[in-house]
Amino acid sequence: MNYNWCHNPDCHKIHTQSRVRGSGNNKVLRTVKIKVGRYGNYQPNIWNYFCNQNCLMQFLNKFGQEIANTYSVKQPSETPIKVKKEKYESYRYDFGYEKRVPYQATRTIIESIDNE
């Protein structure tokens, strides 16, 4: 089994029972050990590096600016799309008559155009 330590540099400072290690008067708070692939091995996952959302957000608050600077975006990205409007019949409940009433509704469908 592969394991990582939580990447939040302050993980070992959070007071939870799951972080307490040691015996007697030699107790410490330890960074959480994370099983890689605990939410599936099929793709890279942020939860392979952070024990919980609190640690992830503390990390991003501390290092978010540096992370953004390593992958700087100078212009917006665009994806070509086709927008379709589709009419369909739906129902709503009319409380005055206590029954379902049909009405015409419109949904917007956005499809990506693959130009590659």
PDB file of N, CA and C in Angstrom:
ATOM      1  N   MET A   1       0.840  -1.185   0.000  1.00  0.00           N
ATOM      2  CA  MET A   1       0.000   0.000   0.000  1.00  0.00           C
ATOM      3  C   MET A   1       0.882   1.244   0.000  1.00  0.00           C
ATOM      4  N   ASN A   2       0.512   2.231  -0.811  1.00  0.00           N
ATOM      5  CA  ASN A   2       1.216   3.508  -0.832  1.00  0.00           C
ATOM      6  C   ASN A   2       0.529   4.487   0.105  1.00  0.00           C
ATOM      7  N   TYR A   3       1.352   5.280   0.778  1.00  0.00           N
ATOM      8  CA  TYR A   3       0.830   6.279   1.691  1.00  0.00           C
ATOM      9  C   TYR A   3       1.540   7.601   1.468  1.00  0.00           C
ATOM     10  N   ASN A   4       0.854   8.694   1.723  1.00  0.00           N
ATOM     11  CA  ASN A   4       1.424  10.041   1.754  1.00  0.00           C
ATOM     12  C   ASN A   4       1.127  10.643   3.115  1.00  0.00           C
ATOM     13  N   TRP A   5       1.924  11.616   3.499  1.00  0.00           N
ATOM     14  CA  TRP A   5       1.601  12.423   4.670  1.00  0.00           C
ATOM     15  C   TRP A   5       0.819  13.626   4.190  1.00  0.00           C
ATOM     16  N   CYS A   6      -0.123  14.092   4.974  1.00  0.00           N
ATOM     17  CA  CYS A   6      -0.902  15.277   4.619  1.00  0.00           C
ATOM     18  C   CYS A   6       0.057  16.416   4.296  1.00  0.00           C
ATOM     19  N   HIS A   7      -0.180  17.119   3.195  1.00  0.00           N
ATOM     20  CA  HIS A   7       0.722  18.167   2.730  1.00  0.00           C
ATOM     21  C   HIS A   7       0.519  19.514   3.421  1.00  0.00           C
ATOM     22  N   ASN A   8      -0.493  19.633   4.264  1.00  0.00           N
ATOM     23  CA  ASN A   8      -0.680  20.870   5.015  1.00  0.00           C
ATOM     24  C   ASN A   8       0.434  20.967   6.061  1.00  0.00           C
ATOM     25  N   PRO A   9       1.283  22.008   5.991  1.00  0.00           N
ATOM     26  CA  PRO A   9       2.386  22.098   6.953  1.00  0.00           C
ATOM     27  C   PRO A   9       1.916  22.285   8.394  1.00  0.00           C
ATOM     28  N   ASP A  10       0.659  22.630   8.599  1.00  0.00           N
ATOM     29  CA  ASP A  10       0.134  22.821   9.953  1.00  0.00           C
ATOM     30  C   ASP A  10      -0.791  21.684  10.395  1.00  0.00           C
ATOM     31  N   CYS A  11      -0.820  20.589   9.652  1.00  0.00           N
ATOM     32  CA  CYS A  11      -1.701  19.464   9.987  1.00  0.00           C
ATOM     33  C   CYS A  11      -1.419  18.950  11.394  1.00  0.00           C
ATOM     34  N   HIS A  12      -0.163  18.922  11.786  1.00  0.00           N
ATOM     35  CA  HIS A  12       0.212  18.385  13.103  1.00  0.00           C
ATOM     36  C   HIS A  12      -0.142  19.322  14.258  1.00  0.00           C
ATOM     37  N   LYS A  13      -0.656  20.511  13.952  1.00  0.00           N
ATOM     38  CA  LYS A  13      -1.031  21.460  15.004  1.00  0.00           C
ATOM     39  C   LYS A  13      -2.524  21.436  15.314  1.00  0.00           C
ATOM     40  N   ILE A  14      -3.295  20.679  14.532  1.00  0.00           N
ATOM     41  CA  ILE A  14      -4.746  20.628  14.708  1.00  0.00           C
ATOM     42  C   ILE A  14      -5.065  19.634  15.826  1.00  0.00           C
ATOM     43  N   HIS A  15      -5.835  20.066  16.806  1.00  0.00           N
ATOM     44  CA  HIS A  15      -6.119  19.264  17.993  1.00  0.00           C
ATOM     45  C   HIS A  15      -7.287  18.310  17.748  1.00  0.00           C
ATOM     46  N   THR A  16      -6.963  17.105  17.277  1.00  0.00           N
ATOM     47  CA  THR A  16      -7.962  16.041  17.151  1.00  0.00           C
ATOM     48  C   THR A  16      -7.378  14.761  17.724  1.00  0.00           C
ATOM     49  N   GLN A  17      -8.228  13.872  18.182  1.00  0.00           N
ATOM     50  CA  GLN A  17      -7.751  12.619  18.780  1.00  0.00           C
ATOM     51  C   GLN A  17      -7.058  11.730  17.767  1.00  0.00           C
ATOM     52  N   SER A  18      -7.439  11.843  16.492  1.00  0.00           N
ATOM     53  CA  SER A  18      -6.813  10.994  15.472  1.00  0.00           C
ATOM     54  C   SER A  18      -5.346  11.345  15.243  1.00  0.00           C
ATOM     55  N   ARG A  19      -4.911  12.512  15.661  1.00  0.00           N
ATOM     56  CA  ARG A  19      -3.521  12.927  15.475  1.00  0.00           C
ATOM     57  C   ARG A  19      -2.644  12.634  16.705  1.00  0.00           C
ATOM     58  N   VAL A  20      -3.225  12.246  17.819  1.00  0.00           N
ATOM     59  CA  VAL A  20      -2.459  12.006  19.049  1.00  0.00           C
ATOM     60  C   VAL A  20      -1.702  10.688  18.915  1.00  0.00           C
ATOM     61  N   ARG A  21      -0.393  10.735  19.171  1.00  0.00           N
ATOM     62  CA  ARG A  21       0.461   9.543  19.151  1.00  0.00           C
ATOM     63  C   ARG A  21       1.328   9.548  20.408  1.00  0.00           C
ATOM     64  N   GLY A  22       1.806   8.387  20.803  1.00  0.00           N
ATOM     65  CA  GLY A  22       2.695   8.267  21.946  1.00  0.00           C
ATOM     66  C   GLY A  22       1.971   7.721  23.158  1.00  0.00           C
ATOM     67  N   SER A  23       2.750   7.504  24.219  1.00  0.00           N
ATOM     68  CA  SER A  23       2.166   6.965  25.445  1.00  0.00           C
ATOM     69  C   SER A  23       2.684   7.740  26.644  1.00  0.00           C
ATOM     70  N   GLY A  24       1.956   7.659  27.722  1.00  0.00           N
ATOM     71  CA  GLY A  24       2.363   8.326  28.954  1.00  0.00           C
ATOM     72  C   GLY A  24       2.494   9.827  28.782  1.00  0.00           C
ATOM     73  N   ASN A  25       3.641  10.354  29.203  1.00  0.00           N
ATOM     74  CA  ASN A  25       3.899  11.798  29.078  1.00  0.00           C
ATOM     75  C   ASN A  25       4.621  12.148  27.787  1.00  0.00           C
ATOM     76  N   ASN A  26       4.762  11.191  26.871  1.00  0.00           N
ATOM     77  CA  ASN A  26       5.474  11.409  25.608  1.00  0.00           C
ATOM     78  C   ASN A  26       4.513  11.504  24.427  1.00  0.00           C
ATOM     79  N   LYS A  27       3.414  12.184  24.600  1.00  0.00           N
ATOM     80  CA  LYS A  27       2.417  12.295  23.540  1.00  0.00           C
ATOM     81  C   LYS A  27       2.742  13.459  22.608  1.00  0.00           C
ATOM     82  N   VAL A  28       2.398  13.277  21.326  1.00  0.00           N
ATOM     83  CA  VAL A  28       2.589  14.315  20.315  1.00  0.00           C
ATOM     84  C   VAL A  28       1.371  14.342  19.400  1.00  0.00           C
ATOM     85  N   LEU A  29       1.184  15.458  18.701  1.00  0.00           N
ATOM     86  CA  LEU A  29       0.224  15.537  17.601  1.00  0.00           C
ATOM     87  C   LEU A  29       1.014  15.288  16.329  1.00  0.00           C
ATOM     88  N   ARG A  30       0.580  14.331  15.511  1.00  0.00           N
ATOM     89  CA  ARG A  30       1.314  13.945  14.310  1.00  0.00           C
ATOM     90  C   ARG A  30       0.478  14.235  13.061  1.00  0.00           C
ATOM     91  N   THR A  31       1.165  14.592  11.981  1.00  0.00           N
ATOM     92  CA  THR A  31       0.533  14.764  10.672  1.00  0.00           C
ATOM     93  C   THR A  31      -0.168  13.470  10.283  1.00  0.00           C
ATOM     94  N   VAL A  32      -1.317  13.584   9.623  1.00  0.00           N
ATOM     95  CA  VAL A  32      -2.126  12.415   9.256  1.00  0.00           C
ATOM     96  C   VAL A  32      -1.489  11.681   8.076  1.00  0.00           C
ATOM     97  N   LYS A  33      -1.463  10.358   8.181  1.00  0.00           N
ATOM     98  CA  LYS A  33      -0.981   9.486   7.115  1.00  0.00           C
ATOM     99  C   LYS A  33      -2.171   9.126   6.228  1.00  0.00           C
ATOM    100  N   ILE A  34      -2.018   9.309   4.931  1.00  0.00           N
ATOM    101  CA  ILE A  34      -3.137   9.133   3.994  1.00  0.00           C
ATOM    102  C   ILE A  34      -2.867   7.951   3.074  1.00  0.00           C
ATOM    103  N   LYS A  35      -3.831   7.075   2.964  1.00  0.00           N
ATOM    104  CA  LYS A  35      -3.745   5.948   2.036  1.00  0.00           C
ATOM    105  C   LYS A  35      -4.004   6.477   0.621  1.00  0.00           C
ATOM    106  N   VAL A  36      -3.062   6.269  -0.290  1.00  0.00           N
ATOM    107  CA  VAL A  36      -3.217   6.713  -1.674  1.00  0.00           C
ATOM    108  C   VAL A  36      -4.285   5.865  -2.339  1.00  0.00           C
ATOM    109  N   GLY A  37      -5.203   6.521  -3.035  1.00  0.00           N
ATOM    110  CA  GLY A  37      -6.265   5.806  -3.739  1.00  0.00           C
ATOM    111  C   GLY A  37      -7.434   5.451  -2.857  1.00  0.00           C
ATOM    112  N   ARG A  38      -7.583   6.122  -1.719  1.00  0.00           N
ATOM    113  CA  ARG A  38      -8.694   5.774  -0.821  1.00  0.00           C
ATOM    114  C   ARG A  38     -10.045   6.093  -1.442  1.00  0.00           C
ATOM    115  N   TYR A  39     -10.076   6.967  -2.450  1.00  0.00           N
ATOM    116  CA  TYR A  39     -11.327   7.256  -3.171  1.00  0.00           C
ATOM    117  C   TYR A  39     -11.277   6.729  -4.593  1.00  0.00           C
ATOM    118  N   GLY A  40     -10.425   5.752  -4.868  1.00  0.00           N
ATOM    119  CA  GLY A  40     -10.326   5.144  -6.192  1.00  0.00           C
ATOM    120  C   GLY A  40      -8.992   5.467  -6.854  1.00  0.00           C
ATOM    121  N   ASN A  41      -8.409   4.493  -7.540  1.00  0.00           N
ATOM    122  CA  ASN A  41      -7.112   4.661  -8.192  1.00  0.00           C
ATOM    123  C   ASN A  41      -7.237   5.088  -9.647  1.00  0.00           C
ATOM    124  N   TYR A  42      -8.427   5.312 -10.134  1.00  0.00           N
ATOM    125  CA  TYR A  42      -8.633   5.529 -11.559  1.00  0.00           C
ATOM    126  C   TYR A  42      -8.150   6.879 -12.063  1.00  0.00           C
ATOM    127  N   GLN A  43      -7.858   7.828 -11.198  1.00  0.00           N
ATOM    128  CA  GLN A  43      -7.370   9.138 -11.647  1.00  0.00           C
ATOM    129  C   GLN A  43      -6.644   9.836 -10.506  1.00  0.00           C
ATOM    130  N   PRO A  44      -5.750  10.783 -10.837  1.00  0.00           N
ATOM    131  CA  PRO A  44      -5.116  11.563  -9.773  1.00  0.00           C
ATOM    132  C   PRO A  44      -6.186  12.297  -8.965  1.00  0.00           C
ATOM    133  N   ASN A  45      -5.971  12.373  -7.658  1.00  0.00           N
ATOM    134  CA  ASN A  45      -7.008  12.905  -6.794  1.00  0.00           C
ATOM    135  C   ASN A  45      -6.372  13.755  -5.710  1.00  0.00           C
ATOM    136  N   ILE A  46      -6.931  14.936  -5.433  1.00  0.00           N
ATOM    137  CA  ILE A  46      -6.387  15.852  -4.428  1.00  0.00           C
ATOM    138  C   ILE A  46      -6.399  15.225  -3.046  1.00  0.00           C
ATOM    139  N   TRP A  47      -7.316  14.277  -2.812  1.00  0.00           N
ATOM    140  CA  TRP A  47      -7.425  13.654  -1.485  1.00  0.00           C
ATOM    141  C   TRP A  47      -6.330  12.624  -1.245  1.00  0.00           C
ATOM    142  N   ASN A  48      -5.439  12.418  -2.210  1.00  0.00           N
ATOM    143  CA  ASN A  48      -4.236  11.623  -1.969  1.00  0.00           C
ATOM    144  C   ASN A  48      -3.179  12.442  -1.230  1.00  0.00           C
ATOM    145  N   TYR A  49      -3.398  13.757  -1.098  1.00  0.00           N
ATOM    146  CA  TYR A  49      -2.397  14.652  -0.513  1.00  0.00           C
ATOM    147  C   TYR A  49      -2.891  15.429   0.705  1.00  0.00           C
ATOM    148  N   PHE A  50      -4.196  15.419   0.958  1.00  0.00           N
ATOM    149  CA  PHE A  50      -4.760  16.151   2.089  1.00  0.00           C
ATOM    150  C   PHE A  50      -5.732  15.246   2.827  1.00  0.00           C
ATOM    151  N   CYS A  51      -5.653  15.281   4.166  1.00  0.00           N
ATOM    152  CA  CYS A  51      -6.468  14.372   4.962  1.00  0.00           C
ATOM    153  C   CYS A  51      -7.931  14.785   5.008  1.00  0.00           C
ATOM    154  N   ASN A  52      -8.207  16.089   4.871  1.00  0.00           N
ATOM    155  CA  ASN A  52      -9.596  16.556   4.882  1.00  0.00           C
ATOM    156  C   ASN A  52      -9.664  17.951   4.253  1.00  0.00           C
ATOM    157  N   GLN A  53     -10.857  18.467   4.135  1.00  0.00           N
ATOM    158  CA  GLN A  53     -11.057  19.760   3.487  1.00  0.00           C
ATOM    159  C   GLN A  53     -10.434  20.898   4.297  1.00  0.00           C
ATOM    160  N   ASN A  54     -10.429  20.791   5.611  1.00  0.00           N
ATOM    161  CA  ASN A  54      -9.827  21.816   6.455  1.00  0.00           C
ATOM    162  C   ASN A  54      -8.342  21.967   6.119  1.00  0.00           C
ATOM    163  N   CYS A  55      -7.621  20.853   6.037  1.00  0.00           N
ATOM    164  CA  CYS A  55      -6.191  20.915   5.713  1.00  0.00           C
ATOM    165  C   CYS A  55      -5.963  21.442   4.298  1.00  0.00           C
ATOM    166  N   LEU A  56      -6.797  21.043   3.354  1.00  0.00           N
ATOM    167  CA  LEU A  56      -6.676  21.550   1.990  1.00  0.00           C
ATOM    168  C   LEU A  56      -6.846  23.065   1.956  1.00  0.00           C
ATOM    169  N   MET A  57      -7.866  23.577   2.640  1.00  0.00           N
ATOM    170  CA  MET A  57      -8.127  25.016   2.617  1.00  0.00           C
ATOM    171  C   MET A  57      -7.036  25.798   3.355  1.00  0.00           C
ATOM    172  N   GLN A  58      -6.515  25.265   4.455  1.00  0.00           N
ATOM    173  CA  GLN A  58      -5.401  25.930   5.143  1.00  0.00           C
ATOM    174  C   GLN A  58      -4.182  26.011   4.226  1.00  0.00           C
ATOM    175  N   PHE A  59      -3.910  24.923   3.498  1.00  0.00           N
ATOM    176  CA  PHE A  59      -2.792  24.892   2.550  1.00  0.00           C
ATOM    177  C   PHE A  59      -2.985  25.934   1.450  1.00  0.00           C
ATOM    178  N   LEU A  60      -4.185  25.977   0.874  1.00  0.00           N
ATOM    179  CA  LEU A  60      -4.452  26.932  -0.211  1.00  0.00           C
ATOM    180  C   LEU A  60      -4.398  28.371   0.280  1.00  0.00           C
ATOM    181  N   ASN A  61      -4.877  28.630   1.504  1.00  0.00           N
ATOM    182  CA  ASN A  61      -4.781  29.988   2.050  1.00  0.00           C
ATOM    183  C   ASN A  61      -3.333  30.400   2.251  1.00  0.00           C
ATOM    184  N   LYS A  62      -2.476  29.448   2.571  1.00  0.00           N
ATOM    185  CA  LYS A  62      -1.073  29.759   2.837  1.00  0.00           C
ATOM    186  C   LYS A  62      -0.250  29.844   1.550  1.00  0.00           C
ATOM    187  N   PHE A  63      -0.513  28.926   0.583  1.00  0.00           N
ATOM    188  CA  PHE A  63       0.332  28.820  -0.606  1.00  0.00           C
ATOM    189  C   PHE A  63      -0.408  29.071  -1.921  1.00  0.00           C
ATOM    190  N   GLY A  64      -1.663  29.497  -1.863  1.00  0.00           N
ATOM    191  CA  GLY A  64      -2.457  29.685  -3.075  1.00  0.00           C
ATOM    192  C   GLY A  64      -1.842  30.656  -4.060  1.00  0.00           C
ATOM    193  N   GLN A  65      -1.299  31.767  -3.579  1.00  0.00           N
ATOM    194  CA  GLN A  65      -0.689  32.764  -4.460  1.00  0.00           C
ATOM    195  C   GLN A  65       0.525  32.178  -5.186  1.00  0.00           C
ATOM    196  N   GLU A  66       1.347  31.419  -4.482  1.00  0.00           N
ATOM    197  CA  GLU A  66       2.517  30.797  -5.099  1.00  0.00           C
ATOM    198  C   GLU A  66       2.098  29.762  -6.141  1.00  0.00           C
ATOM    199  N   ILE A  67       1.056  28.993  -5.847  1.00  0.00           N
ATOM    200  CA  ILE A  67       0.560  28.002  -6.800  1.00  0.00           C
ATOM    201  C   ILE A  67       0.048  28.698  -8.055  1.00  0.00           C
ATOM    202  N   ALA A  68      -0.707  29.780  -7.881  1.00  0.00           N
ATOM    203  CA  ALA A  68      -1.239  30.521  -9.027  1.00  0.00           C
ATOM    204  C   ALA A  68      -0.119  31.110  -9.871  1.00  0.00           C
ATOM    205  N   ASN A  69       0.976  31.509  -9.246  1.00  0.00           N
ATOM    206  CA  ASN A  69       2.097  32.085  -9.988  1.00  0.00           C
ATOM    207  C   ASN A  69       2.870  31.049 -10.788  1.00  0.00           C
ATOM    208  N   THR A  70       2.809  29.771 -10.401  1.00  0.00           N
ATOM    209  CA  THR A  70       3.534  28.743 -11.162  1.00  0.00           C
ATOM    210  C   THR A  70       2.812  28.406 -12.462  1.00  0.00           C
ATOM    211  N   TYR A  71       1.524  28.611 -12.519  1.00  0.00           N
ATOM    212  CA  TYR A  71       0.756  28.385 -13.734  1.00  0.00           C
ATOM    213  C   TYR A  71      -0.058  29.635 -14.011  1.00  0.00           C
ATOM    214  N   SER A  72       0.618  30.627 -14.532  1.00  0.00           N
ATOM    215  CA  SER A  72       0.012  31.927 -14.758  1.00  0.00           C
ATOM    216  C   SER A  72      -0.853  31.909 -16.023  1.00  0.00           C
ATOM    217  N   VAL A  73      -2.019  32.514 -15.957  1.00  0.00           N
ATOM    218  CA  VAL A  73      -2.935  32.601 -17.099  1.00  0.00           C
ATOM    219  C   VAL A  73      -2.922  34.043 -17.599  1.00  0.00           C
ATOM    220  N   LYS A  74      -2.480  34.229 -18.839  1.00  0.00           N
ATOM    221  CA  LYS A  74      -2.349  35.575 -19.413  1.00  0.00           C
ATOM    222  C   LYS A  74      -3.547  35.971 -20.273  1.00  0.00           C
ATOM    223  N   GLN A  75      -4.316  35.001 -20.733  1.00  0.00           N
ATOM    224  CA  GLN A  75      -5.494  35.285 -21.546  1.00  0.00           C
ATOM    225  C   GLN A  75      -6.554  34.225 -21.286  1.00  0.00           C
ATOM    226  N   PRO A  76      -7.802  34.541 -21.547  1.00  0.00           N
ATOM    227  CA  PRO A  76      -8.863  33.567 -21.271  1.00  0.00           C
ATOM    228  C   PRO A  76      -8.831  32.414 -22.268  1.00  0.00           C
ATOM    229  N   SER A  77      -9.306  31.264 -21.833  1.00  0.00           N
ATOM    230  CA  SER A  77      -9.462  30.109 -22.709  1.00  0.00           C
ATOM    231  C   SER A  77     -10.894  30.102 -23.230  1.00  0.00           C
ATOM    232  N   GLU A  78     -11.071  29.541 -24.405  1.00  0.00           N
ATOM    233  CA  GLU A  78     -12.408  29.474 -24.997  1.00  0.00           C
ATOM    234  C   GLU A  78     -12.658  28.091 -25.572  1.00  0.00           C
ATOM    235  N   THR A  79     -13.906  27.655 -25.492  1.00  0.00           N
ATOM    236  CA  THR A  79     -14.336  26.395 -26.077  1.00  0.00           C
ATOM    237  C   THR A  79     -15.481  26.701 -27.034  1.00  0.00           C
ATOM    238  N   PRO A  80     -15.362  26.322 -28.319  1.00  0.00           N
ATOM    239  CA  PRO A  80     -16.470  26.550 -29.251  1.00  0.00           C
ATOM    240  C   PRO A  80     -17.690  25.716 -28.855  1.00  0.00           C
ATOM    241  N   ILE A  81     -18.858  26.337 -28.899  1.00  0.00           N
ATOM    242  CA  ILE A  81     -20.090  25.651 -28.506  1.00  0.00           C
ATOM    243  C   ILE A  81     -21.210  25.909 -29.501  1.00  0.00           C
ATOM    244  N   LYS A  82     -22.233  25.113 -29.406  1.00  0.00           N
ATOM    245  CA  LYS A  82     -23.479  25.317 -30.140  1.00  0.00           C
ATOM    246  C   LYS A  82     -24.579  25.352 -29.089  1.00  0.00           C
ATOM    247  N   VAL A  83     -25.431  26.388 -29.130  1.00  0.00           N
ATOM    248  CA  VAL A  83     -26.510  26.546 -28.160  1.00  0.00           C
ATOM    249  C   VAL A  83     -27.830  26.214 -28.843  1.00  0.00           C
ATOM    250  N   LYS A  84     -28.591  25.312 -28.237  1.00  0.00           N
ATOM    251  CA  LYS A  84     -29.898  24.922 -28.766  1.00  0.00           C
ATOM    252  C   LYS A  84     -30.958  25.219 -27.730  1.00  0.00           C
ATOM    253  N   LYS A  85     -32.100  25.695 -28.186  1.00  0.00           N
ATOM    254  CA  LYS A  85     -33.277  25.866 -27.324  1.00  0.00           C
ATOM    255  C   LYS A  85     -34.250  24.756 -27.689  1.00  0.00           C
ATOM    256  N   GLU A  86     -34.747  24.071 -26.679  1.00  0.00           N
ATOM    257  CA  GLU A  86     -35.650  22.941 -26.908  1.00  0.00           C
ATOM    258  C   GLU A  86     -36.899  23.133 -26.070  1.00  0.00           C
ATOM    259  N   LYS A  87     -38.063  23.057 -26.724  1.00  0.00           N
ATOM    260  CA  LYS A  87     -39.325  23.164 -25.996  1.00  0.00           C
ATOM    261  C   LYS A  87     -39.775  21.773 -25.589  1.00  0.00           C
ATOM    262  N   TYR A  88     -40.356  21.694 -24.416  1.00  0.00           N
ATOM    263  CA  TYR A  88     -40.875  20.424 -23.925  1.00  0.00           C
ATOM    264  C   TYR A  88     -42.063  20.701 -23.021  1.00  0.00           C
ATOM    265  N   GLU A  89     -42.852  19.667 -22.804  1.00  0.00           N
ATOM    266  CA  GLU A  89     -44.013  19.817 -21.935  1.00  0.00           C
ATOM    267  C   GLU A  89     -43.671  19.301 -20.552  1.00  0.00           C
ATOM    268  N   SER A  90     -43.997  20.087 -19.562  1.00  0.00           N
ATOM    269  CA  SER A  90     -43.746  19.706 -18.184  1.00  0.00           C
ATOM    270  C   SER A  90     -45.023  19.911 -17.390  1.00  0.00           C
ATOM    271  N   TYR A  91     -44.944  19.632 -16.105  1.00  0.00           N
ATOM    272  CA  TYR A  91     -46.121  19.760 -15.244  1.00  0.00           C
ATOM    273  C   TYR A  91     -45.743  20.510 -13.975  1.00  0.00           C
ATOM    274  N   ARG A  92     -46.706  21.273 -13.478  1.00  0.00           N
ATOM    275  CA  ARG A  92     -46.550  21.889 -12.165  1.00  0.00           C
ATOM    276  C   ARG A  92     -47.835  21.620 -11.391  1.00  0.00           C
ATOM    277  N   TYR A  93     -47.748  21.722 -10.093  1.00  0.00           N
ATOM    278  CA  TYR A  93     -48.902  21.428  -9.245  1.00  0.00           C
ATOM    279  C   TYR A  93     -49.636  22.724  -8.958  1.00  0.00           C
ATOM    280  N   ASP A  94     -50.915  22.770  -9.295  1.00  0.00           N
ATOM    281  CA  ASP A  94     -51.756  23.939  -9.054  1.00  0.00           C
ATOM    282  C   ASP A  94     -52.513  23.708  -7.745  1.00  0.00           C
ATOM    283  N   PHE A  95     -52.123  24.445  -6.711  1.00  0.00           N
ATOM    284  CA  PHE A  95     -52.730  24.237  -5.395  1.00  0.00           C
ATOM    285  C   PHE A  95     -54.185  24.709  -5.351  1.00  0.00           C
ATOM    286  N   GLY A  96     -54.560  25.658  -6.209  1.00  0.00           N
ATOM    287  CA  GLY A  96     -55.937  26.134  -6.235  1.00  0.00           C
ATOM    288  C   GLY A  96     -56.904  25.041  -6.663  1.00  0.00           C
ATOM    289  N   TYR A  97     -56.453  24.243  -7.642  1.00  0.00           N
ATOM    290  CA  TYR A  97     -57.299  23.156  -8.133  1.00  0.00           C
ATOM    291  C   TYR A  97     -56.829  21.795  -7.648  1.00  0.00           C
ATOM    292  N   GLU A  98     -55.708  21.773  -6.935  1.00  0.00           N
ATOM    293  CA  GLU A  98     -55.113  20.561  -6.395  1.00  0.00           C
ATOM    294  C   GLU A  98     -54.956  19.480  -7.461  1.00  0.00           C
ATOM    295  N   LYS A  99     -54.299  19.863  -8.537  1.00  0.00           N
ATOM    296  CA  LYS A  99     -53.997  18.896  -9.594  1.00  0.00           C
ATOM    297  C   LYS A  99     -52.764  19.359 -10.370  1.00  0.00           C
ATOM    298  N   ARG A 100     -52.216  18.440 -11.149  1.00  0.00           N
ATOM    299  CA  ARG A 100     -51.071  18.765 -11.995  1.00  0.00           C
ATOM    300  C   ARG A 100     -51.561  19.452 -13.257  1.00  0.00           C
ATOM    301  N   VAL A 101     -50.874  20.527 -13.630  1.00  0.00           N
ATOM    302  CA  VAL A 101     -51.258  21.300 -14.807  1.00  0.00           C
ATOM    303  C   VAL A 101     -50.102  21.292 -15.801  1.00  0.00           C
ATOM    304  N   PRO A 102     -50.352  20.909 -17.066  1.00  0.00           N
ATOM    305  CA  PRO A 102     -49.265  20.924 -18.045  1.00  0.00           C
ATOM    306  C   PRO A 102     -48.936  22.361 -18.469  1.00  0.00           C
ATOM    307  N   TYR A 103     -47.674  22.577 -18.819  1.00  0.00           N
ATOM    308  CA  TYR A 103     -47.258  23.866 -19.367  1.00  0.00           C
ATOM    309  C   TYR A 103     -46.060  23.655 -20.279  1.00  0.00           C
ATOM    310  N   GLN A 104     -45.840  24.599 -21.195  1.00  0.00           N
ATOM    311  CA  GLN A 104     -44.710  24.545 -22.120  1.00  0.00           C
ATOM    312  C   GLN A 104     -43.488  25.167 -21.448  1.00  0.00           C
ATOM    313  N   ALA A 105     -42.391  24.466 -21.495  1.00  0.00           N
ATOM    314  CA  ALA A 105     -41.148  24.969 -20.924  1.00  0.00           C
ATOM    315  C   ALA A 105     -40.060  24.917 -21.986  1.00  0.00           C
ATOM    316  N   THR A 106     -38.990  25.642 -21.755  1.00  0.00           N
ATOM    317  CA  THR A 106     -37.856  25.660 -22.678  1.00  0.00           C
ATOM    318  C   THR A 106     -36.591  25.343 -21.892  1.00  0.00           C
ATOM    319  N   ARG A 107     -35.792  24.460 -22.447  1.00  0.00           N
ATOM    320  CA  ARG A 107     -34.486  24.182 -21.834  1.00  0.00           C
ATOM    321  C   ARG A 107     -33.400  24.579 -22.826  1.00  0.00           C
ATOM    322  N   THR A 108     -32.288  25.026 -22.290  1.00  0.00           N
ATOM    323  CA  THR A 108     -31.139  25.405 -23.102  1.00  0.00           C
ATOM    324  C   THR A 108     -30.126  24.286 -23.042  1.00  0.00           C
ATOM    325  N   ILE A 109     -29.678  23.828 -24.217  1.00  0.00           N
ATOM    326  CA  ILE A 109     -28.691  22.757 -24.301  1.00  0.00           C
ATOM    327  C   ILE A 109     -27.421  23.342 -24.902  1.00  0.00           C
ATOM    328  N   ILE A 110     -26.313  23.185 -24.181  1.00  0.00           N
ATOM    329  CA  ILE A 110     -25.021  23.672 -24.664  1.00  0.00           C
ATOM    330  C   ILE A 110     -24.179  22.465 -25.030  1.00  0.00           C
ATOM    331  N   GLU A 111     -23.725  22.408 -26.294  1.00  0.00           N
ATOM    332  CA  GLU A 111     -22.908  21.305 -26.772  1.00  0.00           C
ATOM    333  C   GLU A 111     -21.548  21.840 -27.203  1.00  0.00           C
ATOM    334  N   SER A 112     -20.489  21.153 -26.811  1.00  0.00           N
ATOM    335  CA  SER A 112     -19.148  21.528 -27.267  1.00  0.00           C
ATOM    336  C   SER A 112     -18.955  21.071 -28.693  1.00  0.00           C
ATOM    337  N   ILE A 113     -18.262  21.874 -29.478  1.00  0.00           N
ATOM    338  CA  ILE A 113     -17.936  21.520 -30.853  1.00  0.00           C
ATOM    339  C   ILE A 113     -16.485  21.059 -30.866  1.00  0.00           C
ATOM    340  N   ASP A 114     -16.248  19.855 -31.326  1.00  0.00           N
ATOM    341  CA  ASP A 114     -14.891  19.313 -31.332  1.00  0.00           C
ATOM    342  C   ASP A 114     -14.227  19.682 -32.662  1.00  0.00           C
ATOM    343  N   ASN A 115     -13.281  20.611 -32.612  1.00  0.00           N
ATOM    344  CA  ASN A 115     -12.585  21.079 -33.810  1.00  0.00           C
ATOM    345  C   ASN A 115     -11.206  20.449 -33.975  1.00  0.00           C
ATOM    346  N   GLU A 116     -10.883  19.473 -33.156  1.00  0.00           N
ATOM    347  CA  GLU A 116      -9.525  18.926 -33.194  1.00  0.00           C
ATOM    348  C   GLU A 116      -9.309  17.956 -34.304  1.00  0.00           C
TER     349      GLU A 116
END
